[in-house]
Amino acid sequence: VLQVLPALEAGGAELGTLDVAAALRGAGARVL
């Protein structure tokens, strides 16, 4: 799964992106 967003400085979208990335790894998926 590829997630795309402008930057990774701070904010709710950024935090959510990192949380989902961790959940994807936990589900056996690869995340970019």
PDB file of all heavy atoms in Angstrom:
ATOM      1  N   VAL A   1       0.850  -1.187   0.000  1.00  0.00           N
ATOM      2  CA  VAL A   1       0.000   0.000   0.000  1.00  0.00           C
ATOM      3  C   VAL A   1       0.884   1.234   0.000  1.00  0.00           C
ATOM      4  O   VAL A   1       1.815   1.345   0.803  1.00  0.00           O
ATOM      5  CB  VAL A   1      -0.935   0.013   1.234  1.00  0.00           C
ATOM      6  CG1 VAL A   1      -1.710   1.327   1.306  1.00  0.00           C
ATOM      7  CG2 VAL A   1      -1.896  -1.173   1.183  1.00  0.00           C
ATOM      8  N   LEU A   2       0.582   2.157  -0.898  1.00  0.00           N
ATOM      9  CA  LEU A   2       1.305   3.425  -0.983  1.00  0.00           C
ATOM     10  C   LEU A   2       0.419   4.550  -0.478  1.00  0.00           C
ATOM     11  O   LEU A   2      -0.661   4.795  -1.024  1.00  0.00           O
ATOM     12  CB  LEU A   2       1.723   3.700  -2.437  1.00  0.00           C
ATOM     13  CG  LEU A   2       2.298   5.088  -2.729  1.00  0.00           C
ATOM     14  CD1 LEU A   2       3.612   5.320  -1.984  1.00  0.00           C
ATOM     15  CD2 LEU A   2       2.488   5.294  -4.244  1.00  0.00           C
ATOM     16  N   GLN A   3       0.870   5.242   0.588  1.00  0.00           N
ATOM     17  CA  GLN A   3       0.186   6.439   1.071  1.00  0.00           C
ATOM     18  C   GLN A   3       0.950   7.665   0.580  1.00  0.00           C
ATOM     19  O   GLN A   3       2.185   7.670   0.586  1.00  0.00           O
ATOM     20  CB  GLN A   3       0.115   6.454   2.596  1.00  0.00           C
ATOM     21  CG  GLN A   3      -0.684   5.307   3.199  1.00  0.00           C
ATOM     22  CD  GLN A   3      -0.950   5.539   4.669  1.00  0.00           C
ATOM     23  OE1 GLN A   3      -1.838   6.291   5.049  1.00  0.00           O
ATOM     24  NE2 GLN A   3      -0.161   4.903   5.521  1.00  0.00           N
ATOM     25  N   VAL A   4       0.211   8.693   0.169  1.00  0.00           N
ATOM     26  CA  VAL A   4       0.833   9.902  -0.378  1.00  0.00           C
ATOM     27  C   VAL A   4       0.269  11.125   0.328  1.00  0.00           C
ATOM     28  O   VAL A   4      -0.961  11.270   0.442  1.00  0.00           O
ATOM     29  CB  VAL A   4       0.576  10.024  -1.895  1.00  0.00           C
ATOM     30  CG1 VAL A   4       1.384  11.176  -2.479  1.00  0.00           C
ATOM     31  CG2 VAL A   4       0.899   8.723  -2.616  1.00  0.00           C
ATOM     32  N   LEU A   5       1.152  11.989   0.801  1.00  0.00           N
ATOM     33  CA  LEU A   5       0.755  13.244   1.432  1.00  0.00           C
ATOM     34  C   LEU A   5       1.869  14.273   1.259  1.00  0.00           C
ATOM     35  O   LEU A   5       3.016  13.901   0.981  1.00  0.00           O
ATOM     36  CB  LEU A   5       0.399  13.054   2.903  1.00  0.00           C
ATOM     37  CG  LEU A   5       1.490  12.754   3.931  1.00  0.00           C
ATOM     38  CD1 LEU A   5       0.899  12.880   5.339  1.00  0.00           C
ATOM     39  CD2 LEU A   5       2.096  11.372   3.759  1.00  0.00           C
ATOM     40  N   PRO A   6       1.560  15.561   1.396  1.00  0.00           N
ATOM     41  CA  PRO A   6       2.554  16.580   1.062  1.00  0.00           C
ATOM     42  C   PRO A   6       3.843  16.505   1.873  1.00  0.00           C
ATOM     43  O   PRO A   6       4.943  16.617   1.323  1.00  0.00           O
ATOM     44  CB  PRO A   6       1.818  17.897   1.331  1.00  0.00           C
ATOM     45  CG  PRO A   6       0.377  17.552   1.212  1.00  0.00           C
ATOM     46  CD  PRO A   6       0.257  16.158   1.726  1.00  0.00           C
ATOM     47  N   ALA A   7       3.723  16.351   3.192  1.00  0.00           N
ATOM     48  CA  ALA A   7       4.904  16.358   4.051  1.00  0.00           C
ATOM     49  C   ALA A   7       4.596  15.593   5.326  1.00  0.00           C
ATOM     50  O   ALA A   7       3.450  15.218   5.586  1.00  0.00           O
ATOM     51  CB  ALA A   7       5.320  17.799   4.379  1.00  0.00           C
ATOM     52  N   LEU A   8       5.636  15.383   6.122  1.00  0.00           N
ATOM     53  CA  LEU A   8       5.483  14.668   7.388  1.00  0.00           C
ATOM     54  C   LEU A   8       6.071  15.510   8.525  1.00  0.00           C
ATOM     55  O   LEU A   8       6.977  15.094   9.233  1.00  0.00           O
ATOM     56  CB  LEU A   8       6.174  13.299   7.312  1.00  0.00           C
ATOM     57  CG  LEU A   8       5.403  12.211   6.570  1.00  0.00           C
ATOM     58  CD1 LEU A   8       6.301  11.025   6.265  1.00  0.00           C
ATOM     59  CD2 LEU A   8       4.186  11.760   7.381  1.00  0.00           C
ATOM     60  N   GLU A   9       5.523  16.709   8.685  1.00  0.00           N
ATOM     61  CA  GLU A   9       5.994  17.591   9.745  1.00  0.00           C
ATOM     62  C   GLU A   9       5.192  17.388  11.028  1.00  0.00           C
ATOM     63  O   GLU A   9       5.719  16.987  12.045  1.00  0.00           O
ATOM     64  CB  GLU A   9       5.916  19.054   9.293  1.00  0.00           C
ATOM     65  CG  GLU A   9       6.993  19.449   8.294  1.00  0.00           C
ATOM     66  CD  GLU A   9       8.401  19.389   8.875  1.00  0.00           C
ATOM     67  OE1 GLU A   9       8.549  19.309  10.111  1.00  0.00           O
ATOM     68  OE2 GLU A   9       9.357  19.412   8.082  1.00  0.00           O
ATOM     69  N   ALA A  10       3.903  17.683  10.980  1.00  0.00           N
ATOM     70  CA  ALA A  10       3.045  17.541  12.162  1.00  0.00           C
ATOM     71  C   ALA A  10       1.597  17.650  11.712  1.00  0.00           C
ATOM     72  O   ALA A  10       1.301  18.206  10.658  1.00  0.00           O
ATOM     73  CB  ALA A  10       3.373  18.607  13.194  1.00  0.00           C
ATOM     74  N   GLY A  11       0.677  17.114  12.516  1.00  0.00           N
ATOM     75  CA  GLY A  11      -0.735  17.249  12.208  1.00  0.00           C
ATOM     76  C   GLY A  11      -1.474  15.935  12.266  1.00  0.00           C
ATOM     77  O   GLY A  11      -0.875  14.853  12.311  1.00  0.00           O
ATOM     78  N   GLY A  12      -2.811  16.022  12.253  1.00  0.00           N
ATOM     79  CA  GLY A  12      -3.634  14.832  12.364  1.00  0.00           C
ATOM     80  C   GLY A  12      -3.481  13.882  11.200  1.00  0.00           C
ATOM     81  O   GLY A  12      -3.429  12.663  11.384  1.00  0.00           O
ATOM     82  N   ALA A  13      -3.401  14.414   9.974  1.00  0.00           N
ATOM     83  CA  ALA A  13      -3.234  13.542   8.811  1.00  0.00           C
ATOM     84  C   ALA A  13      -1.920  12.794   8.874  1.00  0.00           C
ATOM     85  O   ALA A  13      -1.838  11.605   8.545  1.00  0.00           O
ATOM     86  CB  ALA A  13      -3.314  14.362   7.529  1.00  0.00           C
ATOM     87  N   GLU A  14      -0.881  13.497   9.301  1.00  0.00           N
ATOM     88  CA  GLU A  14       0.444  12.895   9.394  1.00  0.00           C
ATOM     89  C   GLU A  14       0.486  11.803  10.461  1.00  0.00           C
ATOM     90  O   GLU A  14       1.025  10.716  10.239  1.00  0.00           O
ATOM     91  CB  GLU A  14       1.483  13.970   9.685  1.00  0.00           C
ATOM     92  CG  GLU A  14       1.706  14.964   8.552  1.00  0.00           C
ATOM     93  CD  GLU A  14       0.651  16.060   8.479  1.00  0.00           C
ATOM     94  OE1 GLU A  14      -0.320  16.031   9.270  1.00  0.00           O
ATOM     95  OE2 GLU A  14       0.780  16.946   7.623  1.00  0.00           O
ATOM     96  N   LEU A  15      -0.095  12.098  11.624  1.00  0.00           N
ATOM     97  CA  LEU A  15      -0.139  11.098  12.692  1.00  0.00           C
ATOM     98  C   LEU A  15      -0.916   9.867  12.242  1.00  0.00           C
ATOM     99  O   LEU A  15      -0.506   8.731  12.481  1.00  0.00           O
ATOM    100  CB  LEU A  15      -0.776  11.702  13.943  1.00  0.00           C
ATOM    101  CG  LEU A  15       0.064  12.699  14.737  1.00  0.00           C
ATOM    102  CD1 LEU A  15      -0.797  13.395  15.786  1.00  0.00           C
ATOM    103  CD2 LEU A  15       1.240  12.005  15.403  1.00  0.00           C
ATOM    104  N   GLY A  16      -2.046  10.112  11.584  1.00  0.00           N
ATOM    105  CA  GLY A  16      -2.857   8.999  11.107  1.00  0.00           C
ATOM    106  C   GLY A  16      -2.139   8.149  10.077  1.00  0.00           C
ATOM    107  O   GLY A  16      -2.266   6.926  10.065  1.00  0.00           O
ATOM    108  N   THR A  17      -1.350   8.792   9.224  1.00  0.00           N
ATOM    109  CA  THR A  17      -0.579   8.058   8.221  1.00  0.00           C
ATOM    110  C   THR A  17       0.395   7.094   8.882  1.00  0.00           C
ATOM    111  O   THR A  17       0.522   5.931   8.483  1.00  0.00           O
ATOM    112  CB  THR A  17       0.181   9.039   7.315  1.00  0.00           C
ATOM    113  OG1 THR A  17      -0.770   9.842   6.599  1.00  0.00           O
ATOM    114  CG2 THR A  17       1.062   8.301   6.319  1.00  0.00           C
ATOM    115  N   LEU A  18       1.101   7.577   9.904  1.00  0.00           N
ATOM    116  CA  LEU A  18       2.052   6.717  10.606  1.00  0.00           C
ATOM    117  C   LEU A  18       1.338   5.588  11.356  1.00  0.00           C
ATOM    118  O   LEU A  18       1.821   4.447  11.387  1.00  0.00           O
ATOM    119  CB  LEU A  18       2.906   7.542  11.579  1.00  0.00           C
ATOM    120  CG  LEU A  18       4.250   8.032  11.009  1.00  0.00           C
ATOM    121  CD1 LEU A  18       4.036   8.982   9.833  1.00  0.00           C
ATOM    122  CD2 LEU A  18       5.065   8.736  12.101  1.00  0.00           C
ATOM    123  N   ASP A  19       0.182   5.893  11.936  1.00  0.00           N
ATOM    124  CA  ASP A  19      -0.573   4.862  12.657  1.00  0.00           C
ATOM    125  C   ASP A  19      -1.044   3.765  11.700  1.00  0.00           C
ATOM    126  O   ASP A  19      -0.948   2.571  12.003  1.00  0.00           O
ATOM    127  CB  ASP A  19      -1.788   5.486  13.353  1.00  0.00           C
ATOM    128  CG  ASP A  19      -1.416   6.393  14.515  1.00  0.00           C
ATOM    129  OD1 ASP A  19      -0.301   6.229  15.054  1.00  0.00           O
ATOM    130  OD2 ASP A  19      -2.227   7.256  14.871  1.00  0.00           O
ATOM    131  N   VAL A  20      -1.558   4.172  10.547  1.00  0.00           N
ATOM    132  CA  VAL A  20      -2.029   3.196   9.563  1.00  0.00           C
ATOM    133  C   VAL A  20      -0.862   2.382   9.017  1.00  0.00           C
ATOM    134  O   VAL A  20      -0.983   1.170   8.780  1.00  0.00           O
ATOM    135  CB  VAL A  20      -2.807   3.894   8.432  1.00  0.00           C
ATOM    136  CG1 VAL A  20      -3.087   2.935   7.276  1.00  0.00           C
ATOM    137  CG2 VAL A  20      -4.120   4.456   8.966  1.00  0.00           C
ATOM    138  N   ALA A  21       0.285   3.029   8.831  1.00  0.00           N
ATOM    139  CA  ALA A  21       1.473   2.299   8.366  1.00  0.00           C
ATOM    140  C   ALA A  21       1.832   1.177   9.333  1.00  0.00           C
ATOM    141  O   ALA A  21       2.123   0.051   8.925  1.00  0.00           O
ATOM    142  CB  ALA A  21       2.645   3.262   8.205  1.00  0.00           C
ATOM    143  N   ALA A  22       1.782   1.488  10.622  1.00  0.00           N
ATOM    144  CA  ALA A  22       2.092   0.471  11.627  1.00  0.00           C
ATOM    145  C   ALA A  22       1.058  -0.652  11.613  1.00  0.00           C
ATOM    146  O   ALA A  22       1.397  -1.837  11.742  1.00  0.00           O
ATOM    147  CB  ALA A  22       2.163   1.112  13.009  1.00  0.00           C
ATOM    148  N   ALA A  23      -0.202  -0.290  11.440  1.00  0.00           N
ATOM    149  CA  ALA A  23      -1.258  -1.305  11.398  1.00  0.00           C
ATOM    150  C   ALA A  23      -1.112  -2.202  10.172  1.00  0.00           C
ATOM    151  O   ALA A  23      -1.356  -3.413  10.243  1.00  0.00           O
ATOM    152  CB  ALA A  23      -2.625  -0.628  11.400  1.00  0.00           C
ATOM    153  N   LEU A  24      -0.722  -1.627   9.053  1.00  0.00           N
ATOM    154  CA  LEU A  24      -0.513  -2.419   7.842  1.00  0.00           C
ATOM    155  C   LEU A  24       0.602  -3.441   8.051  1.00  0.00           C
ATOM    156  O   LEU A  24       0.480  -4.605   7.658  1.00  0.00           O
ATOM    157  CB  LEU A  24      -0.176  -1.507   6.668  1.00  0.00           C
ATOM    158  CG  LEU A  24      -1.359  -0.801   6.003  1.00  0.00           C
ATOM    159  CD1 LEU A  24      -0.880   0.327   5.102  1.00  0.00           C
ATOM    160  CD2 LEU A  24      -2.199  -1.801   5.204  1.00  0.00           C
ATOM    161  N   ARG A  25       1.688  -3.001   8.653  1.00  0.00           N
ATOM    162  CA  ARG A  25       2.781  -3.940   8.938  1.00  0.00           C
ATOM    163  C   ARG A  25       2.285  -5.074   9.829  1.00  0.00           C
ATOM    164  O   ARG A  25       2.627  -6.238   9.623  1.00  0.00           O
ATOM    165  CB  ARG A  25       3.944  -3.208   9.610  1.00  0.00           C
ATOM    166  CG  ARG A  25       4.646  -2.207   8.722  1.00  0.00           C
ATOM    167  CD  ARG A  25       5.939  -1.712   9.376  1.00  0.00           C
ATOM    168  NE  ARG A  25       6.336  -0.422   8.844  1.00  0.00           N
ATOM    169  CZ  ARG A  25       6.118   0.745   9.419  1.00  0.00           C
ATOM    170  NH1 ARG A  25       5.491   0.792  10.584  1.00  0.00           N
ATOM    171  NH2 ARG A  25       6.525   1.862   8.858  1.00  0.00           N
ATOM    172  N   GLY A  26       1.474  -4.712  10.824  1.00  0.00           N
ATOM    173  CA  GLY A  26       0.938  -5.723  11.722  1.00  0.00           C
ATOM    174  C   GLY A  26       0.040  -6.716  11.024  1.00  0.00           C
ATOM    175  O   GLY A  26      -0.122  -7.850  11.483  1.00  0.00           O
ATOM    176  N   ALA A  27      -0.582  -6.281   9.902  1.00  0.00           N
ATOM    177  CA  ALA A  27      -1.462  -7.170   9.143  1.00  0.00           C
ATOM    178  C   ALA A  27      -0.706  -7.959   8.083  1.00  0.00           C
ATOM    179  O   ALA A  27      -1.315  -8.663   7.270  1.00  0.00           O
ATOM    180  CB  ALA A  27      -2.565  -6.349   8.480  1.00  0.00           C
ATOM    181  N   GLY A  28       0.627  -7.814   8.062  1.00  0.00           N
ATOM    182  CA  GLY A  28       1.428  -8.562   7.106  1.00  0.00           C
ATOM    183  C   GLY A  28       1.576  -7.889   5.761  1.00  0.00           C
ATOM    184  O   GLY A  28       2.033  -8.510   4.797  1.00  0.00           O
ATOM    185  N   ALA A  29       1.178  -6.624   5.664  1.00  0.00           N
ATOM    186  CA  ALA A  29       1.296  -5.903   4.408  1.00  0.00           C
ATOM    187  C   ALA A  29       2.584  -5.085   4.395  1.00  0.00           C
ATOM    188  O   ALA A  29       3.212  -4.849   5.433  1.00  0.00           O
ATOM    189  CB  ALA A  29       0.099  -4.981   4.206  1.00  0.00           C
ATOM    190  N   ARG A  30       2.946  -4.653   3.212  1.00  0.00           N
ATOM    191  CA  ARG A  30       4.080  -3.750   3.047  1.00  0.00           C
ATOM    192  C   ARG A  30       3.533  -2.351   2.833  1.00  0.00           C
ATOM    193  O   ARG A  30       2.544  -2.158   2.125  1.00  0.00           O
ATOM    194  CB  ARG A  30       4.912  -4.184   1.852  1.00  0.00           C
ATOM    195  CG  ARG A  30       6.151  -3.340   1.606  1.00  0.00           C
ATOM    196  CD  ARG A  30       6.929  -3.914   0.432  1.00  0.00           C
ATOM    197  NE  ARG A  30       8.086  -3.114   0.104  1.00  0.00           N
ATOM    198  CZ  ARG A  30       8.407  -2.753  -1.132  1.00  0.00           C
ATOM    199  NH1 ARG A  30       7.651  -3.133  -2.141  1.00  0.00           N
ATOM    200  NH2 ARG A  30       9.483  -2.024  -1.361  1.00  0.00           N
ATOM    201  N   VAL A  31       4.163  -1.361   3.440  1.00  0.00           N
ATOM    202  CA  VAL A  31       3.656   0.002   3.334  1.00  0.00           C
ATOM    203  C   VAL A  31       4.762   0.921   2.855  1.00  0.00           C
ATOM    204  O   VAL A  31       5.919   0.827   3.284  1.00  0.00           O
ATOM    205  CB  VAL A  31       3.080   0.491   4.681  1.00  0.00           C
ATOM    206  CG1 VAL A  31       4.130   0.465   5.787  1.00  0.00           C
ATOM    207  CG2 VAL A  31       2.513   1.901   4.552  1.00  0.00           C
ATOM    208  N   LEU A  32       4.413   1.817   1.937  1.00  0.00           N
ATOM    209  CA  LEU A  32       5.303   2.866   1.477  1.00  0.00           C
ATOM    210  C   LEU A  32       4.587   4.195   1.682  1.00  0.00           C
ATOM    211  O   LEU A  32       3.363   4.287   1.503  1.00  0.00           O
ATOM    212  CB  LEU A  32       5.642   2.692   0.001  1.00  0.00           C
ATOM    213  CG  LEU A  32       6.351   1.398  -0.407  1.00  0.00           C
ATOM    214  CD1 LEU A  32       6.427   1.303  -1.926  1.00  0.00           C
ATOM    215  CD2 LEU A  32       7.738   1.318   0.212  1.00  0.00           C
TER     216      LEU A  32
END
